[in-house]
C-alpha atoms as a PDB file:
ATOM      1  CA  MET A   1     -19.372 -15.701   9.393  1.00  0.00           C
ATOM      2  CA  ALA A   2     -17.824 -13.144   7.052  1.00  0.00           C
ATOM      3  CA  GLU A   3     -18.497 -13.457   3.369  1.00  0.00           C
ATOM      4  CA  ASN A   4     -15.574 -13.919   0.958  1.00  0.00           C
ATOM      5  CA  TYR A   5     -14.978 -11.391  -1.805  1.00  0.00           C
ATOM      6  CA  LEU A   6     -12.668 -11.749  -4.789  1.00  0.00           C
ATOM      7  CA  ILE A   7     -10.942  -8.862  -6.544  1.00  0.00           C
ATOM      8  CA  HIS A   8      -9.722 -10.230  -9.869  1.00  0.00           C
ATOM      9  CA  LEU A   9      -7.034  -7.754 -10.939  1.00  0.00           C
ATOM     10  CA  LYS A  10      -6.831  -8.851 -14.586  1.00  0.00           C
ATOM     11  CA  LYS A  11     -10.569  -8.244 -15.062  1.00  0.00           C
ATOM     12  CA  LEU A  12     -10.384  -4.983 -13.143  1.00  0.00           C
ATOM     13  CA  ILE A  13      -7.448  -3.392 -14.957  1.00  0.00           C
ATOM     14  CA  ASN A  14      -7.763  -5.197 -18.319  1.00  0.00           C
ATOM     15  CA  SER A  15      -3.996  -5.678 -18.472  1.00  0.00           C
ATOM     16  CA  ASP A  16      -1.408  -8.190 -17.324  1.00  0.00           C
ATOM     17  CA  VAL A  17       0.796  -5.436 -15.898  1.00  0.00           C
ATOM     18  CA  ALA A  18      -0.129  -3.265 -12.889  1.00  0.00           C
ATOM     19  CA  LEU A  19       2.132  -0.236 -12.718  1.00  0.00           C
ATOM     20  CA  LEU A  20       0.322   2.783 -11.327  1.00  0.00           C
ATOM     21  CA  ARG A  21       0.338   3.732  -7.648  1.00  0.00           C
ATOM     22  CA  SER A  22      -2.903   5.612  -8.289  1.00  0.00           C
ATOM     23  CA  LEU A  23      -4.579   2.368  -9.409  1.00  0.00           C
ATOM     24  CA  GLY A  24      -3.458   0.645  -6.213  1.00  0.00           C
ATOM     25  CA  ASP A  25      -4.722   3.629  -4.234  1.00  0.00           C
ATOM     26  CA  VAL A  26      -8.169   3.448  -5.869  1.00  0.00           C
ATOM     27  CA  ILE A  27      -8.348  -0.300  -5.179  1.00  0.00           C
ATOM     28  CA  ARG A  28      -7.339   0.297  -1.547  1.00  0.00           C
ATOM     29  CA  GLU A  29      -9.890   3.078  -1.013  1.00  0.00           C
ATOM     30  CA  ASN A  30     -12.771   1.161  -2.599  1.00  0.00           C
ATOM     31  CA  THR A  31     -11.917  -2.042  -0.760  1.00  0.00           C
ATOM     32  CA  ALA A  32     -11.847  -0.188   2.555  1.00  0.00           C
ATOM     33  CA  LYS A  33     -15.261   1.358   1.873  1.00  0.00           C
ATOM     34  CA  LYS A  34     -16.994  -1.800   0.648  1.00  0.00           C
ATOM     35  CA  PHE A  35     -15.435  -4.752   2.454  1.00  0.00           C
ATOM     36  CA  SER A  36     -14.674  -3.680   6.013  1.00  0.00           C
ATOM     37  CA  GLY A  37     -14.816  -6.729   8.294  1.00  0.00           C
ATOM     38  CA  GLN A  38     -14.864  -9.179   5.385  1.00  0.00           C
ATOM     39  CA  LYS A  39     -12.425 -11.660   3.863  1.00  0.00           C
ATOM     40  CA  VAL A  40     -11.034 -10.287   0.605  1.00  0.00           C
ATOM     41  CA  GLU A  41      -8.848 -12.194  -1.824  1.00  0.00           C
ATOM     42  CA  VAL A  42      -6.871 -10.187  -4.369  1.00  0.00           C
ATOM     43  CA  ASP A  43      -6.404 -12.522  -7.326  1.00  0.00           C
ATOM     44  CA  PHE A  44      -3.234 -12.012  -9.358  1.00  0.00           C
ATOM     45  CA  SER A  45      -4.112 -14.639 -11.999  1.00  0.00           C
ATOM     46  CA  GLU A  46      -2.695 -13.571 -15.368  1.00  0.00           C
ATOM     47  CA  ILE A  47      -0.823 -10.621 -13.820  1.00  0.00           C
ATOM     48  CA  ARG A  48       2.786 -11.051 -14.873  1.00  0.00           C
ATOM     49  CA  SER A  49       4.276  -7.848 -13.450  1.00  0.00           C
ATOM     50  CA  ILE A  50       3.538  -5.083 -10.954  1.00  0.00           C
ATOM     51  CA  SER A  51       5.417  -1.947  -9.996  1.00  0.00           C
ATOM     52  CA  ARG A  52       6.961  -1.354  -6.609  1.00  0.00           C
ATOM     53  CA  ALA A  53       4.515   1.524  -6.067  1.00  0.00           C
ATOM     54  CA  PHE A  54       1.521  -0.689  -6.869  1.00  0.00           C
ATOM     55  CA  ALA A  55       2.829  -3.381  -4.492  1.00  0.00           C
ATOM     56  CA  HIS A  56       3.253  -0.746  -1.777  1.00  0.00           C
ATOM     57  CA  GLU A  57      -0.376   0.387  -2.123  1.00  0.00           C
ATOM     58  CA  LEU A  58      -1.670  -3.181  -1.927  1.00  0.00           C
ATOM     59  CA  LEU A  59       0.435  -3.868   1.154  1.00  0.00           C
ATOM     60  CA  THR A  60      -0.964  -0.675   2.662  1.00  0.00           C
ATOM     61  CA  LEU A  61      -4.399  -2.184   2.035  1.00  0.00           C
ATOM     62  CA  LYS A  62      -3.551  -5.055   4.385  1.00  0.00           C
ATOM     63  CA  ASN A  63      -2.829  -2.559   7.186  1.00  0.00           C
ATOM     64  CA  ASP A  64      -5.615  -0.071   6.469  1.00  0.00           C
ATOM     65  CA  PRO A  65      -7.307   0.883   9.772  1.00  0.00           C
ATOM     66  CA  GLU A  66     -10.656   1.077   7.956  1.00  0.00           C
ATOM     67  CA  LEU A  67     -10.352  -2.662   7.295  1.00  0.00           C
ATOM     68  CA  LYS A  68     -10.006  -3.729  10.931  1.00  0.00           C
ATOM     69  CA  GLY A  69     -11.420  -7.204  11.296  1.00  0.00           C
ATOM     70  CA  SER A  70     -10.874  -7.896   7.608  1.00  0.00           C
ATOM     71  CA  SER A  71      -8.654 -10.527   6.117  1.00  0.00           C
ATOM     72  CA  ILE A  72      -6.805  -9.484   2.952  1.00  0.00           C
ATOM     73  CA  GLU A  73      -5.040 -12.254   1.061  1.00  0.00           C
ATOM     74  CA  PHE A  74      -3.068 -12.204  -2.189  1.00  0.00           C
ATOM     75  CA  ILE A  75      -3.692 -15.338  -4.257  1.00  0.00           C
ATOM     76  CA  ASN A  76      -2.385 -16.793  -7.524  1.00  0.00           C
ATOM     77  CA  THR A  77       0.712 -14.597  -7.558  1.00  0.00           C
ATOM     78  CA  SER A  78       3.443 -15.435 -10.039  1.00  0.00           C
ATOM     79  CA  PRO A  79       6.950 -15.978  -8.639  1.00  0.00           C
ATOM     80  CA  GLU A  80       7.967 -12.533  -9.941  1.00  0.00           C
ATOM     81  CA  VAL A  81       5.007 -10.776  -8.331  1.00  0.00           C
ATOM     82  CA  SER A  82       5.501 -12.666  -5.051  1.00  0.00           C
ATOM     83  CA  LYS A  83       9.174 -11.723  -4.993  1.00  0.00           C
ATOM     84  CA  LEU A  84       8.461  -8.012  -5.530  1.00  0.00           C
ATOM     85  CA  ILE A  85       5.748  -7.993  -2.863  1.00  0.00           C
ATOM     86  CA  ALA A  86       8.211  -9.609  -0.430  1.00  0.00           C
ATOM     87  CA  ILE A  87      10.908  -7.046  -1.278  1.00  0.00           C
ATOM     88  CA  VAL A  88       8.528  -4.125  -0.719  1.00  0.00           C
ATOM     89  CA  GLN A  89       7.222  -5.649   2.497  1.00  0.00           C
ATOM     90  CA  GLU A  90      10.770  -6.111   3.814  1.00  0.00           C
ATOM     91  CA  SER A  91      11.716  -2.546   2.889  1.00  0.00           C
ATOM     92  CA  GLN A  92       8.661  -1.242   4.772  1.00  0.00           C
ATOM     93  CA  GLN A  93       9.663  -3.167   7.883  1.00  0.00           C
ATOM     94  CA  THR A  94      13.320  -2.134   7.808  1.00  0.00           C
ATOM     95  CA  SER A  95      12.616   1.530   7.107  1.00  0.00           C
ATOM     96  CA  TYR A  96      10.584   1.772  10.326  1.00  0.00           C
ATOM     97  CA  ARG A  97      13.024  -0.370  12.294  1.00  0.00           C
ATOM     98  CA  HIS A  98      15.853   2.098  11.692  1.00  0.00           C
ATOM     99  CA  PHE A  99      13.861   5.234  12.480  1.00  0.00           C
ATOM    100  CA  ARG A 100      15.784   7.385  14.958  1.00  0.00           C
ATOM    101  CA  PRO A 101      13.776  10.311  16.347  1.00  0.00           C
ATOM    102  CA  ASP A 102      16.923  11.752  17.937  1.00  0.00           C
ATOM    103  CA  LEU A 103      18.366  12.267  14.442  1.00  0.00           C
ATOM    104  CA  MET A 104      15.342  14.078  13.065  1.00  0.00           C
ATOM    105  CA  PRO A 105      15.908  17.746  12.283  1.00  0.00           C
ATOM    106  CA  LYS A 106      14.452  20.246  14.709  1.00  0.00           C
ATOM    107  CA  GLU A 107      11.026  21.517  13.738  1.00  0.00           C
ATOM    108  CA  VAL A 108      11.025  25.134  12.719  1.00  0.00           C
ATOM    109  CA  SER A 109       8.116  27.316  13.738  1.00  0.00           C
ATOM    110  CA  PHE A 110       6.332  29.740  11.460  1.00  0.00           C
ATOM    111  CA  GLU A 111       7.663  32.583  13.611  1.00  0.00           C
ATOM    112  CA  GLU A 112      11.266  31.416  13.144  1.00  0.00           C
ATOM    113  CA  VAL A 113      10.803  31.273   9.379  1.00  0.00           C
ATOM    114  CA  SER A 114       9.234  34.744   9.391  1.00  0.00           C
ATOM    115  CA  GLU A 115      12.079  36.138  11.486  1.00  0.00           C
ATOM    116  CA  TYR A 116      14.632  34.629   9.127  1.00  0.00           C
ATOM    117  CA  PHE A 117      13.042  36.264   6.095  1.00  0.00           C
ATOM    118  CA  GLU A 118      12.706  39.582   7.900  1.00  0.00           C
ATOM    119  CA  SER A 119      16.446  39.509   8.614  1.00  0.00           C
ATOM    120  CA  LEU A 120      17.299  39.290   4.900  1.00  0.00           C
END
């Protein structure tokens, strides 16, 4: 049976506000390296606010391929934090749902760019 691990954000960041994407990125990278295949709880006790970017990084943690077989759970989230996480999660789902490859611009080759500049 997998062991449970707790990441207590307040103790980790020594603040009640988590704003930086880079902090979320560091948490994601270290969690992926250390806890692959384990159950990890991210404890939001005493965290009153997070940024959209921080929420995005933590949601990315849940889908990190290096954490296959892991269970990532957010616990003790305030209503405000829960609401922002839900908003970011919904925006991630809808942005991919509306992706239309047929509307993507044509890729330009290095040769085409070179030819353009030579014509100037």
